[in-house]
């Protein structure tokens, strides 16, 4: 049986682009600007960079040019096991980290969800989603 390895989350965050999906609890102002929420376009993209910054595509209606940064938080027990692992973006509620069925990543809180976009062409990238029958 293999052993579990601790994953370098920052490597995975910075290796993909992410779709930003707003939840019902997001402020109405943001939801009204979101093309995906209003069914007028695709999800907004976000890019996590190794320096801890986050950027968006040019012309993103929600972005507004403000500075955004993230940090990964991992607290360990005395024996080295992970007690808590989450991502903090600015002063938003913490984002819980989970794996998607295509081995991509998802960061979720009560306001929004960042979900990694499959990048089959990248080293260690997730492949295209496989249909589930």
C-alpha atoms as a PDB file:
ATOM      1  CA  UNK A   1       0.000   0.000   0.000  1.00  0.00           C
ATOM      2  CA  UNK A   2       1.312   3.456  -0.886  1.00  0.00           C
ATOM      3  CA  UNK A   3       1.772   6.264   1.566  1.00  0.00           C
ATOM      4  CA  UNK A   4      -0.036   9.574   1.461  1.00  0.00           C
ATOM      5  CA  UNK A   5       2.030  12.613   0.603  1.00  0.00           C
ATOM      6  CA  UNK A   6       1.484  16.163   1.701  1.00  0.00           C
ATOM      7  CA  UNK A   7       0.506  18.235  -1.334  1.00  0.00           C
ATOM      8  CA  UNK A   8       2.063  21.602  -2.132  1.00  0.00           C
ATOM      9  CA  UNK A   9      -1.206  23.468  -2.616  1.00  0.00           C
ATOM     10  CA  UNK A  10       0.484  26.639  -3.873  1.00  0.00           C
ATOM     11  CA  UNK A  11       1.995  24.660  -6.765  1.00  0.00           C
ATOM     12  CA  UNK A  12      -1.462  23.512  -7.801  1.00  0.00           C
ATOM     13  CA  UNK A  13      -3.130  26.890  -7.298  1.00  0.00           C
ATOM     14  CA  UNK A  14      -0.604  28.633  -9.512  1.00  0.00           C
ATOM     15  CA  UNK A  15      -0.612  25.891 -12.142  1.00  0.00           C
ATOM     16  CA  UNK A  16      -4.192  26.409 -13.300  1.00  0.00           C
ATOM     17  CA  UNK A  17      -6.653  29.094 -14.152  1.00  0.00           C
ATOM     18  CA  UNK A  18      -9.798  29.070 -12.064  1.00  0.00           C
ATOM     19  CA  UNK A  19     -13.448  29.797 -12.727  1.00  0.00           C
ATOM     20  CA  UNK A  20     -15.091  32.010 -10.110  1.00  0.00           C
ATOM     21  CA  UNK A  21     -18.658  30.977  -9.340  1.00  0.00           C
ATOM     22  CA  UNK A  22     -20.719  33.164  -7.013  1.00  0.00           C
ATOM     23  CA  UNK A  23     -23.106  31.629  -4.486  1.00  0.00           C
ATOM     24  CA  UNK A  24     -26.575  32.850  -3.536  1.00  0.00           C
ATOM     25  CA  UNK A  25     -25.039  34.418  -0.393  1.00  0.00           C
ATOM     26  CA  UNK A  26     -22.790  36.693  -2.488  1.00  0.00           C
ATOM     27  CA  UNK A  27     -23.800  40.365  -2.458  1.00  0.00           C
ATOM     28  CA  UNK A  28     -26.533  41.099  -4.998  1.00  0.00           C
ATOM     29  CA  UNK A  29     -24.348  43.793  -6.577  1.00  0.00           C
ATOM     30  CA  UNK A  30     -21.716  41.178  -7.524  1.00  0.00           C
ATOM     31  CA  UNK A  31     -24.290  38.656  -8.689  1.00  0.00           C
ATOM     32  CA  UNK A  32     -25.828  41.283 -10.985  1.00  0.00           C
ATOM     33  CA  UNK A  33     -22.412  41.844 -12.614  1.00  0.00           C
ATOM     34  CA  UNK A  34     -21.607  38.144 -13.032  1.00  0.00           C
ATOM     35  CA  UNK A  35     -22.275  36.943 -16.613  1.00  0.00           C
ATOM     36  CA  UNK A  36     -22.482  33.284 -15.527  1.00  0.00           C
ATOM     37  CA  UNK A  37     -24.965  34.009 -12.742  1.00  0.00           C
ATOM     38  CA  UNK A  38     -27.122  36.000 -15.185  1.00  0.00           C
ATOM     39  CA  UNK A  39     -26.761  33.329 -17.909  1.00  0.00           C
ATOM     40  CA  UNK A  40     -25.231  35.816 -20.347  1.00  0.00           C
ATOM     41  CA  UNK A  41     -21.701  34.377 -20.514  1.00  0.00           C
ATOM     42  CA  UNK A  42     -19.058  32.057 -19.143  1.00  0.00           C
ATOM     43  CA  UNK A  43     -17.680  32.005 -15.586  1.00  0.00           C
ATOM     44  CA  UNK A  44     -15.178  34.720 -14.683  1.00  0.00           C
ATOM     45  CA  UNK A  45     -11.534  33.597 -14.634  1.00  0.00           C
ATOM     46  CA  UNK A  46      -9.061  34.155 -11.842  1.00  0.00           C
ATOM     47  CA  UNK A  47      -5.316  33.499 -11.839  1.00  0.00           C
ATOM     48  CA  UNK A  48      -3.359  32.692  -8.669  1.00  0.00           C
ATOM     49  CA  UNK A  49       0.312  33.749  -8.916  1.00  0.00           C
ATOM     50  CA  UNK A  50       3.349  32.442  -6.968  1.00  0.00           C
ATOM     51  CA  UNK A  51       3.834  35.861  -5.301  1.00  0.00           C
ATOM     52  CA  UNK A  52       0.431  35.507  -3.586  1.00  0.00           C
ATOM     53  CA  UNK A  53      -1.459  37.848  -5.907  1.00  0.00           C
ATOM     54  CA  UNK A  54      -4.634  37.089  -7.854  1.00  0.00           C
ATOM     55  CA  UNK A  55      -5.556  38.655 -11.183  1.00  0.00           C
ATOM     56  CA  UNK A  56      -8.511  38.528 -13.558  1.00  0.00           C
ATOM     57  CA  UNK A  57      -9.069  38.816 -17.286  1.00  0.00           C
ATOM     58  CA  UNK A  58      -9.095  42.298 -18.812  1.00  0.00           C
ATOM     59  CA  UNK A  59     -12.594  43.768 -18.738  1.00  0.00           C
ATOM     60  CA  UNK A  60     -13.857  41.497 -15.954  1.00  0.00           C
ATOM     61  CA  UNK A  61     -17.031  43.197 -14.672  1.00  0.00           C
ATOM     62  CA  UNK A  62     -16.555  42.246 -10.998  1.00  0.00           C
ATOM     63  CA  UNK A  63     -12.801  42.760 -10.715  1.00  0.00           C
ATOM     64  CA  UNK A  64     -12.609  46.557 -10.707  1.00  0.00           C
ATOM     65  CA  UNK A  65      -8.793  46.642 -10.586  1.00  0.00           C
ATOM     66  CA  UNK A  66      -8.488  46.209  -6.810  1.00  0.00           C
ATOM     67  CA  UNK A  67      -5.549  44.403  -5.262  1.00  0.00           C
ATOM     68  CA  UNK A  68      -6.233  40.834  -4.241  1.00  0.00           C
ATOM     69  CA  UNK A  69      -3.932  38.396  -2.470  1.00  0.00           C
ATOM     70  CA  UNK A  70      -4.131  34.911  -1.009  1.00  0.00           C
ATOM     71  CA  UNK A  71      -2.296  32.742   1.449  1.00  0.00           C
ATOM     72  CA  UNK A  72      -2.473  29.046   2.247  1.00  0.00           C
ATOM     73  CA  UNK A  73      -2.905  28.212   5.924  1.00  0.00           C
ATOM     74  CA  UNK A  74      -1.927  24.823   7.303  1.00  0.00           C
ATOM     75  CA  UNK A  75      -1.908  24.013  10.989  1.00  0.00           C
ATOM     76  CA  UNK A  76      -0.274  20.806  12.141  1.00  0.00           C
ATOM     77  CA  UNK A  77      -0.697  18.595  15.171  1.00  0.00           C
ATOM     78  CA  UNK A  78       2.344  17.630  17.229  1.00  0.00           C
ATOM     79  CA  UNK A  79       2.825  14.429  15.232  1.00  0.00           C
ATOM     80  CA  UNK A  80       2.959  16.327  11.922  1.00  0.00           C
ATOM     81  CA  UNK A  81      -0.562  15.456  10.774  1.00  0.00           C
ATOM     82  CA  UNK A  82      -2.580  18.241   9.189  1.00  0.00           C
ATOM     83  CA  UNK A  83      -5.211  19.582  11.568  1.00  0.00           C
ATOM     84  CA  UNK A  84      -6.582  22.314   9.344  1.00  0.00           C
ATOM     85  CA  UNK A  85      -5.883  23.387   5.772  1.00  0.00           C
ATOM     86  CA  UNK A  86      -7.539  26.309   4.023  1.00  0.00           C
ATOM     87  CA  UNK A  87      -6.923  29.288   1.754  1.00  0.00           C
ATOM     88  CA  UNK A  88      -7.475  32.901   2.793  1.00  0.00           C
ATOM     89  CA  UNK A  89      -8.209  35.534   0.112  1.00  0.00           C
ATOM     90  CA  UNK A  90      -8.068  39.127   1.367  1.00  0.00           C
ATOM     91  CA  UNK A  91     -10.456  39.321   4.333  1.00  0.00           C
ATOM     92  CA  UNK A  92     -13.082  36.963   2.921  1.00  0.00           C
ATOM     93  CA  UNK A  93     -14.262  33.956   4.929  1.00  0.00           C
ATOM     94  CA  UNK A  94     -11.772  31.086   4.661  1.00  0.00           C
ATOM     95  CA  UNK A  95     -11.955  28.809   1.626  1.00  0.00           C
ATOM     96  CA  UNK A  96     -12.055  25.060   2.183  1.00  0.00           C
ATOM     97  CA  UNK A  97      -9.950  22.992  -0.193  1.00  0.00           C
ATOM     98  CA  UNK A  98     -11.252  19.875  -1.938  1.00  0.00           C
ATOM     99  CA  UNK A  99     -10.499  17.691  -4.958  1.00  0.00           C
ATOM    100  CA  UNK A 100     -12.802  17.504  -7.961  1.00  0.00           C
ATOM    101  CA  UNK A 101     -13.607  14.230  -9.778  1.00  0.00           C
ATOM    102  CA  UNK A 102     -11.190  15.259 -12.587  1.00  0.00           C
ATOM    103  CA  UNK A 103      -8.420  15.720  -9.951  1.00  0.00           C
ATOM    104  CA  UNK A 104      -8.646  19.479 -10.207  1.00  0.00           C
ATOM    105  CA  UNK A 105      -9.129  21.704  -7.162  1.00  0.00           C
ATOM    106  CA  UNK A 106     -12.027  23.566  -5.641  1.00  0.00           C
ATOM    107  CA  UNK A 107     -11.889  26.360  -3.064  1.00  0.00           C
ATOM    108  CA  UNK A 108     -15.273  27.012  -1.477  1.00  0.00           C
ATOM    109  CA  UNK A 109     -16.843  29.285   1.117  1.00  0.00           C
ATOM    110  CA  UNK A 110     -20.381  30.594   1.570  1.00  0.00           C
ATOM    111  CA  UNK A 111     -19.853  33.487  -0.899  1.00  0.00           C
ATOM    112  CA  UNK A 112     -18.163  31.873  -3.881  1.00  0.00           C
ATOM    113  CA  UNK A 113     -16.321  28.911  -5.311  1.00  0.00           C
ATOM    114  CA  UNK A 114     -13.071  28.851  -7.283  1.00  0.00           C
ATOM    115  CA  UNK A 115     -12.851  25.741  -9.438  1.00  0.00           C
ATOM    116  CA  UNK A 116      -9.743  24.808 -11.447  1.00  0.00           C
ATOM    117  CA  UNK A 117     -10.064  24.575 -15.204  1.00  0.00           C
ATOM    118  CA  UNK A 118      -8.692  21.348 -16.762  1.00  0.00           C
ATOM    119  CA  UNK A 119      -5.268  22.000 -18.305  1.00  0.00           C
ATOM    120  CA  UNK A 120      -4.296  18.765 -20.031  1.00  0.00           C
ATOM    121  CA  UNK A 121      -1.431  20.460 -21.888  1.00  0.00           C
ATOM    122  CA  UNK A 122       0.412  21.393 -18.665  1.00  0.00           C
ATOM    123  CA  UNK A 123       2.780  19.147 -16.752  1.00  0.00           C
ATOM    124  CA  UNK A 124       0.793  17.774 -13.796  1.00  0.00           C
ATOM    125  CA  UNK A 125      -2.327  19.336 -15.332  1.00  0.00           C
ATOM    126  CA  UNK A 126      -5.677  17.691 -14.993  1.00  0.00           C
ATOM    127  CA  UNK A 127      -7.032  16.083 -18.095  1.00  0.00           C
ATOM    128  CA  UNK A 128     -10.322  16.755 -19.805  1.00  0.00           C
ATOM    129  CA  UNK A 129     -13.340  15.764 -17.722  1.00  0.00           C
ATOM    130  CA  UNK A 130     -14.512  12.226 -18.421  1.00  0.00           C
ATOM    131  CA  UNK A 131     -18.252  11.665 -18.727  1.00  0.00           C
ATOM    132  CA  UNK A 132     -19.777   9.605 -15.934  1.00  0.00           C
ATOM    133  CA  UNK A 133     -22.274   7.029 -17.153  1.00  0.00           C
END
